[in-house]
Amino acid sequence: MSRRLHILAVCGSGVVSCSMVGQKVKEMLEPYGIKADVTGLLPQSVKEYVDRGGIDFIVATSPVPGTISVPLIKGVGLLTGFGEEEIITQIIETAQKILANEASK
């Protein structure tokens, strides 16, 4: 798979947790041959950023306001460790589904 996914990592400050989550997401997708660019963002900026287009999905550790048109995965467990395996599964399955849907077009 040559296309890179474009993912938003969303946290309250837009910096520290986003960096940690972004790195984890990249590392968990690599064994599946999936490359990703992850951008850290504040919750209040997400809708506008997604509406511009080009975002495949979001992993958020803070609530995201508004209606979002791409998959939104609640990723708090990536920081706390609680429910982390389920979140990892969601991220991998979401990424694979997006790429498979594009390949079938």
PDB file of N, CA and C in Angstrom:
ATOM      1  N   MET A   1       0.848  -1.179   0.000  1.00  0.00           N
ATOM      2  CA  MET A   1       0.000   0.000   0.000  1.00  0.00           C
ATOM      3  C   MET A   1       0.888   1.235   0.000  1.00  0.00           C
ATOM      4  N   SER A   2       0.740   2.046  -1.007  1.00  0.00           N
ATOM      5  CA  SER A   2       1.647   3.181  -1.108  1.00  0.00           C
ATOM      6  C   SER A   2       1.056   4.480  -0.565  1.00  0.00           C
ATOM      7  N   ARG A   3      -0.253   4.576  -0.496  1.00  0.00           N
ATOM      8  CA  ARG A   3      -0.851   5.816  -0.009  1.00  0.00           C
ATOM      9  C   ARG A   3      -0.684   5.929   1.501  1.00  0.00           C
ATOM     10  N   ARG A   4      -0.343   7.125   1.930  1.00  0.00           N
ATOM     11  CA  ARG A   4      -0.231   7.406   3.369  1.00  0.00           C
ATOM     12  C   ARG A   4      -1.583   7.874   3.879  1.00  0.00           C
ATOM     13  N   LEU A   5      -1.957   7.375   5.031  1.00  0.00           N
ATOM     14  CA  LEU A   5      -3.170   7.856   5.670  1.00  0.00           C
ATOM     15  C   LEU A   5      -2.884   9.182   6.366  1.00  0.00           C
ATOM     16  N   HIS A   6      -3.887  10.019   6.438  1.00  0.00           N
ATOM     17  CA  HIS A   6      -3.772  11.304   7.121  1.00  0.00           C
ATOM     18  C   HIS A   6      -4.694  11.257   8.333  1.00  0.00           C
ATOM     19  N   ILE A   7      -4.068  11.293   9.508  1.00  0.00           N
ATOM     20  CA  ILE A   7      -4.777  11.083  10.764  1.00  0.00           C
ATOM     21  C   ILE A   7      -4.583  12.293  11.671  1.00  0.00           C
ATOM     22  N   LEU A   8      -5.627  12.648  12.393  1.00  0.00           N
ATOM     23  CA  LEU A   8      -5.517  13.697  13.399  1.00  0.00           C
ATOM     24  C   LEU A   8      -5.434  13.053  14.773  1.00  0.00           C
ATOM     25  N   ALA A   9      -4.496  13.505  15.580  1.00  0.00           N
ATOM     26  CA  ALA A   9      -4.409  13.128  16.992  1.00  0.00           C
ATOM     27  C   ALA A   9      -4.874  14.357  17.761  1.00  0.00           C
ATOM     28  N   VAL A  10      -5.924  14.194  18.541  1.00  0.00           N
ATOM     29  CA  VAL A  10      -6.544  15.339  19.211  1.00  0.00           C
ATOM     30  C   VAL A  10      -6.425  15.191  20.725  1.00  0.00           C
ATOM     31  N   CYS A  11      -5.908  16.265  21.357  1.00  0.00           N
ATOM     32  CA  CYS A  11      -5.822  16.284  22.821  1.00  0.00           C
ATOM     33  C   CYS A  11      -6.106  17.701  23.310  1.00  0.00           C
ATOM     34  N   GLY A  12      -6.265  17.835  24.594  1.00  0.00           N
ATOM     35  CA  GLY A  12      -6.641  19.120  25.180  1.00  0.00           C
ATOM     36  C   GLY A  12      -5.658  20.239  24.921  1.00  0.00           C
ATOM     37  N   SER A  13      -4.369  19.932  24.902  1.00  0.00           N
ATOM     38  CA  SER A  13      -3.369  20.980  24.704  1.00  0.00           C
ATOM     39  C   SER A  13      -2.906  21.070  23.257  1.00  0.00           C
ATOM     40  N   GLY A  14      -3.136  20.022  22.483  1.00  0.00           N
ATOM     41  CA  GLY A  14      -2.702  20.024  21.092  1.00  0.00           C
ATOM     42  C   GLY A  14      -1.232  19.717  20.928  1.00  0.00           C
ATOM     43  N   VAL A  15      -0.556  19.294  22.015  1.00  0.00           N
ATOM     44  CA  VAL A  15       0.891  19.084  21.914  1.00  0.00           C
ATOM     45  C   VAL A  15       1.322  17.735  22.494  1.00  0.00           C
ATOM     46  N   VAL A  16       1.440  17.642  23.797  1.00  0.00           N
ATOM     47  CA  VAL A  16       2.105  16.508  24.438  1.00  0.00           C
ATOM     48  C   VAL A  16       1.386  15.187  24.190  1.00  0.00           C
ATOM     49  N   SER A  17       0.142  15.087  24.597  1.00  0.00           N
ATOM     50  CA  SER A  17      -0.592  13.832  24.403  1.00  0.00           C
ATOM     51  C   SER A  17      -0.729  13.502  22.924  1.00  0.00           C
ATOM     52  N   CYS A  18      -0.920  14.532  22.106  1.00  0.00           N
ATOM     53  CA  CYS A  18      -1.036  14.316  20.667  1.00  0.00           C
ATOM     54  C   CYS A  18       0.231  13.672  20.102  1.00  0.00           C
ATOM     55  N   SER A  19       1.371  14.126  20.555  1.00  0.00           N
ATOM     56  CA  SER A  19       2.638  13.564  20.083  1.00  0.00           C
ATOM     57  C   SER A  19       2.761  12.104  20.477  1.00  0.00           C
ATOM     58  N   MET A  20       2.399  11.792  21.730  1.00  0.00           N
ATOM     59  CA  MET A  20       2.472  10.415  22.208  1.00  0.00           C
ATOM     60  C   MET A  20       1.509   9.517  21.430  1.00  0.00           C
ATOM     61  N   VAL A  21       0.277   9.962  21.269  1.00  0.00           N
ATOM     62  CA  VAL A  21      -0.721   9.176  20.546  1.00  0.00           C
ATOM     63  C   VAL A  21      -0.312   9.030  19.084  1.00  0.00           C
ATOM     64  N   GLY A  22       0.131  10.095  18.475  1.00  0.00           N
ATOM     65  CA  GLY A  22       0.550  10.048  17.080  1.00  0.00           C
ATOM     66  C   GLY A  22       1.655   9.041  16.837  1.00  0.00           C
ATOM     67  N   GLN A  23       2.646   9.026  17.705  1.00  0.00           N
ATOM     68  CA  GLN A  23       3.751   8.083  17.569  1.00  0.00           C
ATOM     69  C   GLN A  23       3.265   6.647  17.740  1.00  0.00           C
ATOM     70  N   LYS A  24       2.403   6.417  18.713  1.00  0.00           N
ATOM     71  CA  LYS A  24       1.852   5.077  18.929  1.00  0.00           C
ATOM     72  C   LYS A  24       1.069   4.606  17.709  1.00  0.00           C
ATOM     73  N   VAL A  25       0.263   5.493  17.145  1.00  0.00           N
ATOM     74  CA  VAL A  25      -0.546   5.132  15.978  1.00  0.00           C
ATOM     75  C   VAL A  25       0.362   4.740  14.811  1.00  0.00           C
ATOM     76  N   LYS A  26       1.371   5.539  14.547  1.00  0.00           N
ATOM     77  CA  LYS A  26       2.306   5.214  13.459  1.00  0.00           C
ATOM     78  C   LYS A  26       2.948   3.854  13.685  1.00  0.00           C
ATOM     79  N   GLU A  27       3.405   3.618  14.915  1.00  0.00           N
ATOM     80  CA  GLU A  27       4.088   2.361  15.228  1.00  0.00           C
ATOM     81  C   GLU A  27       3.163   1.155  15.129  1.00  0.00           C
ATOM     82  N   MET A  28       1.900   1.300  15.508  1.00  0.00           N
ATOM     83  CA  MET A  28       0.998   0.150  15.450  1.00  0.00           C
ATOM     84  C   MET A  28       0.568  -0.170  14.025  1.00  0.00           C
ATOM     85  N   LEU A  29       0.611   0.804  13.122  1.00  0.00           N
ATOM     86  CA  LEU A  29       0.220   0.561  11.734  1.00  0.00           C
ATOM     87  C   LEU A  29       1.374   0.011  10.884  1.00  0.00           C
ATOM     88  N   GLU A  30       2.609   0.319  11.262  1.00  0.00           N
ATOM     89  CA  GLU A  30       3.777  -0.105  10.475  1.00  0.00           C
ATOM     90  C   GLU A  30       3.822  -1.600  10.175  1.00  0.00           C
ATOM     91  N   PRO A  31       3.591  -2.495  11.161  1.00  0.00           N
ATOM     92  CA  PRO A  31       3.657  -3.931  10.859  1.00  0.00           C
ATOM     93  C   PRO A  31       2.656  -4.389   9.789  1.00  0.00           C
ATOM     94  N   TYR A  32       1.637  -3.576   9.538  1.00  0.00           N
ATOM     95  CA  TYR A  32       0.624  -3.899   8.533  1.00  0.00           C
ATOM     96  C   TYR A  32       0.941  -3.239   7.189  1.00  0.00           C
ATOM     97  N   GLY A  33       2.094  -2.616   7.103  1.00  0.00           N
ATOM     98  CA  GLY A  33       2.497  -1.954   5.867  1.00  0.00           C
ATOM     99  C   GLY A  33       1.746  -0.663   5.603  1.00  0.00           C
ATOM    100  N   ILE A  34       1.171  -0.091   6.650  1.00  0.00           N
ATOM    101  CA  ILE A  34       0.392   1.139   6.507  1.00  0.00           C
ATOM    102  C   ILE A  34       1.222   2.304   7.021  1.00  0.00           C
ATOM    103  N   LYS A  35       1.413   3.286   6.164  1.00  0.00           N
ATOM    104  CA  LYS A  35       2.151   4.486   6.541  1.00  0.00           C
ATOM    105  C   LYS A  35       1.144   5.597   6.845  1.00  0.00           C
ATOM    106  N   ALA A  36       1.492   6.434   7.820  1.00  0.00           N
ATOM    107  CA  ALA A  36       0.560   7.487   8.226  1.00  0.00           C
ATOM    108  C   ALA A  36       1.294   8.775   8.555  1.00  0.00           C
ATOM    109  N   ASP A  37       0.646   9.867   8.223  1.00  0.00           N
ATOM    110  CA  ASP A  37       1.061  11.189   8.685  1.00  0.00           C
ATOM    111  C   ASP A  37       0.061  11.568   9.759  1.00  0.00           C
ATOM    112  N   VAL A  38       0.560  11.944  10.936  1.00  0.00           N
ATOM    113  CA  VAL A  38      -0.324  12.288  12.048  1.00  0.00           C
ATOM    114  C   VAL A  38      -0.090  13.743  12.436  1.00  0.00           C
ATOM    115  N   THR A  39      -1.176  14.489  12.522  1.00  0.00           N
ATOM    116  CA  THR A  39      -1.123  15.900  12.899  1.00  0.00           C
ATOM    117  C   THR A  39      -1.810  16.074  14.247  1.00  0.00           C
ATOM    118  N   GLY A  40      -1.151  16.725  15.184  1.00  0.00           N
ATOM    119  CA  GLY A  40      -1.736  17.028  16.485  1.00  0.00           C
ATOM    120  C   GLY A  40      -2.583  18.285  16.392  1.00  0.00           C
ATOM    121  N   LEU A  41      -3.716  18.270  17.077  1.00  0.00           N
ATOM    122  CA  LEU A  41      -4.649  19.381  16.952  1.00  0.00           C
ATOM    123  C   LEU A  41      -5.472  19.550  18.229  1.00  0.00           C
ATOM    124  N   LEU A  42      -5.917  20.758  18.477  1.00  0.00           N
ATOM    125  CA  LEU A  42      -6.841  21.056  19.579  1.00  0.00           C
ATOM    126  C   LEU A  42      -8.260  20.647  19.175  1.00  0.00           C
ATOM    127  N   PRO A  43      -9.089  20.222  20.127  1.00  0.00           N
ATOM    128  CA  PRO A  43     -10.450  19.785  19.795  1.00  0.00           C
ATOM    129  C   PRO A  43     -11.264  20.819  19.013  1.00  0.00           C
ATOM    130  N   GLN A  44     -11.178  22.066  19.409  1.00  0.00           N
ATOM    131  CA  GLN A  44     -11.996  23.092  18.750  1.00  0.00           C
ATOM    132  C   GLN A  44     -11.587  23.375  17.300  1.00  0.00           C
ATOM    133  N   SER A  45     -10.434  22.872  16.864  1.00  0.00           N
ATOM    134  CA  SER A  45      -9.968  23.084  15.487  1.00  0.00           C
ATOM    135  C   SER A  45     -10.305  21.925  14.565  1.00  0.00           C
ATOM    136  N   VAL A  46     -10.792  20.824  15.115  1.00  0.00           N
ATOM    137  CA  VAL A  46     -10.963  19.595  14.335  1.00  0.00           C
ATOM    138  C   VAL A  46     -11.967  19.748  13.203  1.00  0.00           C
ATOM    139  N   LYS A  47     -13.166  20.237  13.492  1.00  0.00           N
ATOM    140  CA  LYS A  47     -14.214  20.306  12.467  1.00  0.00           C
ATOM    141  C   LYS A  47     -13.752  21.095  11.252  1.00  0.00           C
ATOM    142  N   GLU A  48     -13.184  22.254  11.475  1.00  0.00           N
ATOM    143  CA  GLU A  48     -12.701  23.082  10.364  1.00  0.00           C
ATOM    144  C   GLU A  48     -11.619  22.344   9.567  1.00  0.00           C
ATOM    145  N   TYR A  49     -10.710  21.690  10.265  1.00  0.00           N
ATOM    146  CA  TYR A  49      -9.607  20.964   9.621  1.00  0.00           C
ATOM    147  C   TYR A  49     -10.149  19.809   8.777  1.00  0.00           C
ATOM    148  N   VAL A  50     -11.101  19.044   9.339  1.00  0.00           N
ATOM    149  CA  VAL A  50     -11.687  17.910   8.617  1.00  0.00           C
ATOM    150  C   VAL A  50     -12.492  18.406   7.418  1.00  0.00           C
ATOM    151  N   ASP A  51     -13.225  19.497   7.583  1.00  0.00           N
ATOM    152  CA  ASP A  51     -14.052  20.035   6.501  1.00  0.00           C
ATOM    153  C   ASP A  51     -13.230  20.463   5.289  1.00  0.00           C
ATOM    154  N   ARG A  52     -11.958  20.750   5.486  1.00  0.00           N
ATOM    155  CA  ARG A  52     -11.073  21.101   4.358  1.00  0.00           C
ATOM    156  C   ARG A  52     -10.775  19.889   3.482  1.00  0.00           C
ATOM    157  N   GLY A  53     -10.936  18.696   4.070  1.00  0.00           N
ATOM    158  CA  GLY A  53     -10.717  17.461   3.310  1.00  0.00           C
ATOM    159  C   GLY A  53      -9.336  16.876   3.527  1.00  0.00           C
ATOM    160  N   GLY A  54      -9.200  15.617   3.130  1.00  0.00           N
ATOM    161  CA  GLY A  54      -7.910  14.953   3.194  1.00  0.00           C
ATOM    162  C   GLY A  54      -7.597  14.226   4.490  1.00  0.00           C
ATOM    163  N   ILE A  55      -8.516  14.237   5.465  1.00  0.00           N
ATOM    164  CA  ILE A  55      -8.292  13.536   6.727  1.00  0.00           C
ATOM    165  C   ILE A  55      -9.024  12.198   6.654  1.00  0.00           C
ATOM    166  N   ASP A  56      -8.311  11.124   7.006  1.00  0.00           N
ATOM    167  CA  ASP A  56      -8.903   9.789   6.942  1.00  0.00           C
ATOM    168  C   ASP A  56      -9.646   9.426   8.222  1.00  0.00           C
ATOM    169  N   PHE A  57      -9.046   9.686   9.377  1.00  0.00           N
ATOM    170  CA  PHE A  57      -9.737   9.459  10.638  1.00  0.00           C
ATOM    171  C   PHE A  57      -9.038  10.197  11.767  1.00  0.00           C
ATOM    172  N   ILE A  58      -9.671  10.163  12.946  1.00  0.00           N
ATOM    173  CA  ILE A  58      -9.208  10.918  14.105  1.00  0.00           C
ATOM    174  C   ILE A  58      -9.062   9.965  15.291  1.00  0.00           C
ATOM    175  N   VAL A  59      -7.996  10.167  16.062  1.00  0.00           N
ATOM    176  CA  VAL A  59      -7.843   9.493  17.348  1.00  0.00           C
ATOM    177  C   VAL A  59      -7.795  10.617  18.389  1.00  0.00           C
ATOM    178  N   ALA A  60      -8.781  10.629  19.288  1.00  0.00           N
ATOM    179  CA  ALA A  60      -8.914  11.752  20.215  1.00  0.00           C
ATOM    180  C   ALA A  60      -8.843  11.302  21.668  1.00  0.00           C
ATOM    181  N   THR A  61      -8.110  12.085  22.467  1.00  0.00           N
ATOM    182  CA  THR A  61      -8.068  11.841  23.910  1.00  0.00           C
ATOM    183  C   THR A  61      -8.904  12.871  24.661  1.00  0.00           C
ATOM    184  N   SER A  62      -9.498  13.790  23.919  1.00  0.00           N
ATOM    185  CA  SER A  62     -10.395  14.815  24.474  1.00  0.00           C
ATOM    186  C   SER A  62     -11.664  14.832  23.630  1.00  0.00           C
ATOM    187  N   PRO A  63     -12.792  15.263  24.200  1.00  0.00           N
ATOM    188  CA  PRO A  63     -14.022  15.348  23.410  1.00  0.00           C
ATOM    189  C   PRO A  63     -13.855  16.298  22.226  1.00  0.00           C
ATOM    190  N   VAL A  64     -14.435  15.906  21.101  1.00  0.00           N
ATOM    191  CA  VAL A  64     -14.374  16.724  19.889  1.00  0.00           C
ATOM    192  C   VAL A  64     -15.769  17.286  19.635  1.00  0.00           C
ATOM    193  N   PRO A  65     -15.902  18.614  19.619  1.00  0.00           N
ATOM    194  CA  PRO A  65     -17.229  19.213  19.407  1.00  0.00           C
ATOM    195  C   PRO A  65     -17.668  19.142  17.943  1.00  0.00           C
ATOM    196  N   GLY A  66     -18.971  19.148  17.754  1.00  0.00           N
ATOM    197  CA  GLY A  66     -19.525  19.197  16.408  1.00  0.00           C
ATOM    198  C   GLY A  66     -19.690  17.828  15.785  1.00  0.00           C
ATOM    199  N   THR A  67     -20.225  17.822  14.581  1.00  0.00           N
ATOM    200  CA  THR A  67     -20.419  16.592  13.820  1.00  0.00           C
ATOM    201  C   THR A  67     -19.234  16.438  12.882  1.00  0.00           C
ATOM    202  N   ILE A  68     -18.568  15.307  12.991  1.00  0.00           N
ATOM    203  CA  ILE A  68     -17.354  15.057  12.212  1.00  0.00           C
ATOM    204  C   ILE A  68     -17.671  14.017  11.142  1.00  0.00           C
ATOM    205  N   SER A  69     -17.197  14.259   9.921  1.00  0.00           N
ATOM    206  CA  SER A  69     -17.545  13.407   8.788  1.00  0.00           C
ATOM    207  C   SER A  69     -16.581  12.247   8.555  1.00  0.00           C
ATOM    208  N   VAL A  70     -15.602  12.059   9.421  1.00  0.00           N
ATOM    209  CA  VAL A  70     -14.667  10.937   9.292  1.00  0.00           C
ATOM    210  C   VAL A  70     -14.728  10.115  10.585  1.00  0.00           C
ATOM    211  N   PRO A  71     -14.257   8.859  10.545  1.00  0.00           N
ATOM    212  CA  PRO A  71     -14.282   8.059  11.774  1.00  0.00           C
ATOM    213  C   PRO A  71     -13.527   8.735  12.919  1.00  0.00           C
ATOM    214  N   LEU A  72     -14.118   8.655  14.112  1.00  0.00           N
ATOM    215  CA  LEU A  72     -13.533   9.243  15.319  1.00  0.00           C
ATOM    216  C   LEU A  72     -13.360   8.138  16.349  1.00  0.00           C
ATOM    217  N   ILE A  73     -12.121   7.876  16.716  1.00  0.00           N
ATOM    218  CA  ILE A  73     -11.802   6.830  17.681  1.00  0.00           C
ATOM    219  C   ILE A  73     -11.411   7.493  18.992  1.00  0.00           C
ATOM    220  N   LYS A  74     -12.071   7.096  20.068  1.00  0.00           N
ATOM    221  CA  LYS A  74     -11.735   7.620  21.389  1.00  0.00           C
ATOM    222  C   LYS A  74     -10.479   6.903  21.869  1.00  0.00           C
ATOM    223  N   GLY A  75      -9.382   7.657  22.020  1.00  0.00           N
ATOM    224  CA  GLY A  75      -8.082   7.061  22.279  1.00  0.00           C
ATOM    225  C   GLY A  75      -7.494   7.262  23.651  1.00  0.00           C
ATOM    226  N   VAL A  76      -8.303   7.592  24.644  1.00  0.00           N
ATOM    227  CA  VAL A  76      -7.785   7.828  25.994  1.00  0.00           C
ATOM    228  C   VAL A  76      -7.000   6.623  26.507  1.00  0.00           C
ATOM    229  N   GLY A  77      -7.457   5.436  26.164  1.00  0.00           N
ATOM    230  CA  GLY A  77      -6.790   4.217  26.610  1.00  0.00           C
ATOM    231  C   GLY A  77      -5.364   4.079  26.119  1.00  0.00           C
ATOM    232  N   LEU A  78      -5.006   4.795  25.058  1.00  0.00           N
ATOM    233  CA  LEU A  78      -3.620   4.773  24.593  1.00  0.00           C
ATOM    234  C   LEU A  78      -2.698   5.474  25.581  1.00  0.00           C
ATOM    235  N   LEU A  79      -3.269   6.345  26.402  1.00  0.00           N
ATOM    236  CA  LEU A  79      -2.492   7.051  27.420  1.00  0.00           C
ATOM    237  C   LEU A  79      -2.567   6.340  28.770  1.00  0.00           C
ATOM    238  N   THR A  80      -3.744   5.786  29.076  1.00  0.00           N
ATOM    239  CA  THR A  80      -3.952   5.180  30.392  1.00  0.00           C
ATOM    240  C   THR A  80      -3.638   3.692  30.432  1.00  0.00           C
ATOM    241  N   GLY A  81      -3.716   3.044  29.276  1.00  0.00           N
ATOM    242  CA  GLY A  81      -3.529   1.599  29.215  1.00  0.00           C
ATOM    243  C   GLY A  81      -4.822   0.824  29.387  1.00  0.00           C
ATOM    244  N   PHE A  82      -5.892   1.471  29.861  1.00  0.00           N
ATOM    245  CA  PHE A  82      -7.174   0.802  30.056  1.00  0.00           C
ATOM    246  C   PHE A  82      -7.925   0.717  28.727  1.00  0.00           C
ATOM    247  N   GLY A  83      -8.182  -0.491  28.278  1.00  0.00           N
ATOM    248  CA  GLY A  83      -8.881  -0.675  27.005  1.00  0.00           C
ATOM    249  C   GLY A  83      -7.998  -0.452  25.797  1.00  0.00           C
ATOM    250  N   GLU A  84      -6.696  -0.426  26.011  1.00  0.00           N
ATOM    251  CA  GLU A  84      -5.762  -0.109  24.917  1.00  0.00           C
ATOM    252  C   GLU A  84      -5.856  -1.096  23.754  1.00  0.00           C
ATOM    253  N   GLU A  85      -5.976  -2.390  24.051  1.00  0.00           N
ATOM    254  CA  GLU A  85      -6.034  -3.392  22.975  1.00  0.00           C
ATOM    255  C   GLU A  85      -7.237  -3.164  22.063  1.00  0.00           C
ATOM    256  N   GLU A  86      -8.378  -2.820  22.655  1.00  0.00           N
ATOM    257  CA  GLU A  86      -9.581  -2.562  21.863  1.00  0.00           C
ATOM    258  C   GLU A  86      -9.379  -1.340  20.955  1.00  0.00           C
ATOM    259  N   ILE A  87      -8.739  -0.321  21.483  1.00  0.00           N
ATOM    260  CA  ILE A  87      -8.489   0.895  20.695  1.00  0.00           C
ATOM    261  C   ILE A  87      -7.522   0.591  19.557  1.00  0.00           C
ATOM    262  N   ILE A  88      -6.474  -0.166  19.849  1.00  0.00           N
ATOM    263  CA  ILE A  88      -5.508  -0.544  18.814  1.00  0.00           C
ATOM    264  C   ILE A  88      -6.221  -1.305  17.699  1.00  0.00           C
ATOM    265  N   THR A  89      -7.089  -2.232  18.074  1.00  0.00           N
ATOM    266  CA  THR A  89      -7.850  -2.995  17.083  1.00  0.00           C
ATOM    267  C   THR A  89      -8.710  -2.065  16.234  1.00  0.00           C
ATOM    268  N   GLN A  90      -9.381  -1.108  16.866  1.00  0.00           N
ATOM    269  CA  GLN A  90     -10.216  -0.143  16.128  1.00  0.00           C
ATOM    270  C   GLN A  90      -9.377   0.643  15.126  1.00  0.00           C
ATOM    271  N   ILE A  91      -8.203   1.104  15.545  1.00  0.00           N
ATOM    272  CA  ILE A  91      -7.346   1.908  14.673  1.00  0.00           C
ATOM    273  C   ILE A  91      -6.892   1.085  13.474  1.00  0.00           C
ATOM    274  N   ILE A  92      -6.414  -0.116  13.721  1.00  0.00           N
ATOM    275  CA  ILE A  92      -5.928  -0.966  12.632  1.00  0.00           C
ATOM    276  C   ILE A  92      -7.064  -1.309  11.666  1.00  0.00           C
ATOM    277  N   GLU A  93      -8.210  -1.709  12.218  1.00  0.00           N
ATOM    278  CA  GLU A  93      -9.353  -2.059  11.365  1.00  0.00           C
ATOM    279  C   GLU A  93      -9.848  -0.862  10.561  1.00  0.00           C
ATOM    280  N   THR A  94      -9.883   0.310  11.178  1.00  0.00           N
ATOM    281  CA  THR A  94     -10.316   1.513  10.466  1.00  0.00           C
ATOM    282  C   THR A  94      -9.368   1.827   9.320  1.00  0.00           C
ATOM    283  N   ALA A  95      -8.071   1.775   9.589  1.00  0.00           N
ATOM    284  CA  ALA A  95      -7.073   2.057   8.550  1.00  0.00           C
ATOM    285  C   ALA A  95      -7.186   1.053   7.407  1.00  0.00           C
ATOM    286  N   GLN A  96      -7.291  -0.232   7.732  1.00  0.00           N
ATOM    287  CA  GLN A  96      -7.399  -1.261   6.696  1.00  0.00           C
ATOM    288  C   GLN A  96      -8.673  -1.096   5.872  1.00  0.00           C
ATOM    289  N   LYS A  97      -9.771  -0.760   6.523  1.00  0.00           N
ATOM    290  CA  LYS A  97     -11.047  -0.581   5.825  1.00  0.00           C
ATOM    291  C   LYS A  97     -10.971   0.598   4.854  1.00  0.00           C
ATOM    292  N   ILE A  98     -10.388   1.704   5.283  1.00  0.00           N
ATOM    293  CA  ILE A  98     -10.260   2.876   4.415  1.00  0.00           C
ATOM    294  C   ILE A  98      -9.456   2.526   3.169  1.00  0.00           C
ATOM    295  N   LEU A  99      -8.326   1.869   3.373  1.00  0.00           N
ATOM    296  CA  LEU A  99      -7.467   1.521   2.245  1.00  0.00           C
ATOM    297  C   LEU A  99      -8.120   0.467   1.347  1.00  0.00           C
ATOM    298  N   ALA A 100      -8.824  -0.493   1.923  1.00  0.00           N
ATOM    299  CA  ALA A 100      -9.498  -1.530   1.132  1.00  0.00           C
ATOM    300  C   ALA A 100     -10.620  -0.909   0.298  1.00  0.00           C
ATOM    301  N   ASN A 101     -11.367   0.025   0.887  1.00  0.00           N
ATOM    302  CA  ASN A 101     -12.445   0.695   0.137  1.00  0.00           C
ATOM    303  C   ASN A 101     -11.899   1.458  -1.058  1.00  0.00           C
ATOM    304  N   GLU A 102     -10.751   2.096  -0.886  1.00  0.00           N
ATOM    305  CA  GLU A 102     -10.136   2.837  -1.988  1.00  0.00           C
ATOM    306  C   GLU A 102      -9.618   1.888  -3.057  1.00  0.00           C
ATOM    307  N   ALA A 103      -9.068   0.764  -2.637  1.00  0.00           N
ATOM    308  CA  ALA A 103      -8.509  -0.208  -3.595  1.00  0.00           C
ATOM    309  C   ALA A 103      -9.606  -0.852  -4.440  1.00  0.00           C
ATOM    310  N   SER A 104     -10.808  -0.948  -3.887  1.00  0.00           N
ATOM    311  CA  SER A 104     -11.902  -1.591  -4.616  1.00  0.00           C
ATOM    312  C   SER A 104     -12.608  -0.645  -5.582  1.00  0.00           C
ATOM    313  N   LYS A 105     -12.238   0.607  -5.579  1.00  0.00           N
ATOM    314  CA  LYS A 105     -12.889   1.591  -6.471  1.00  0.00           C
ATOM    315  C   LYS A 105     -12.257   1.584  -7.830  1.00  0.00           C
TER     316      LYS A 105
END
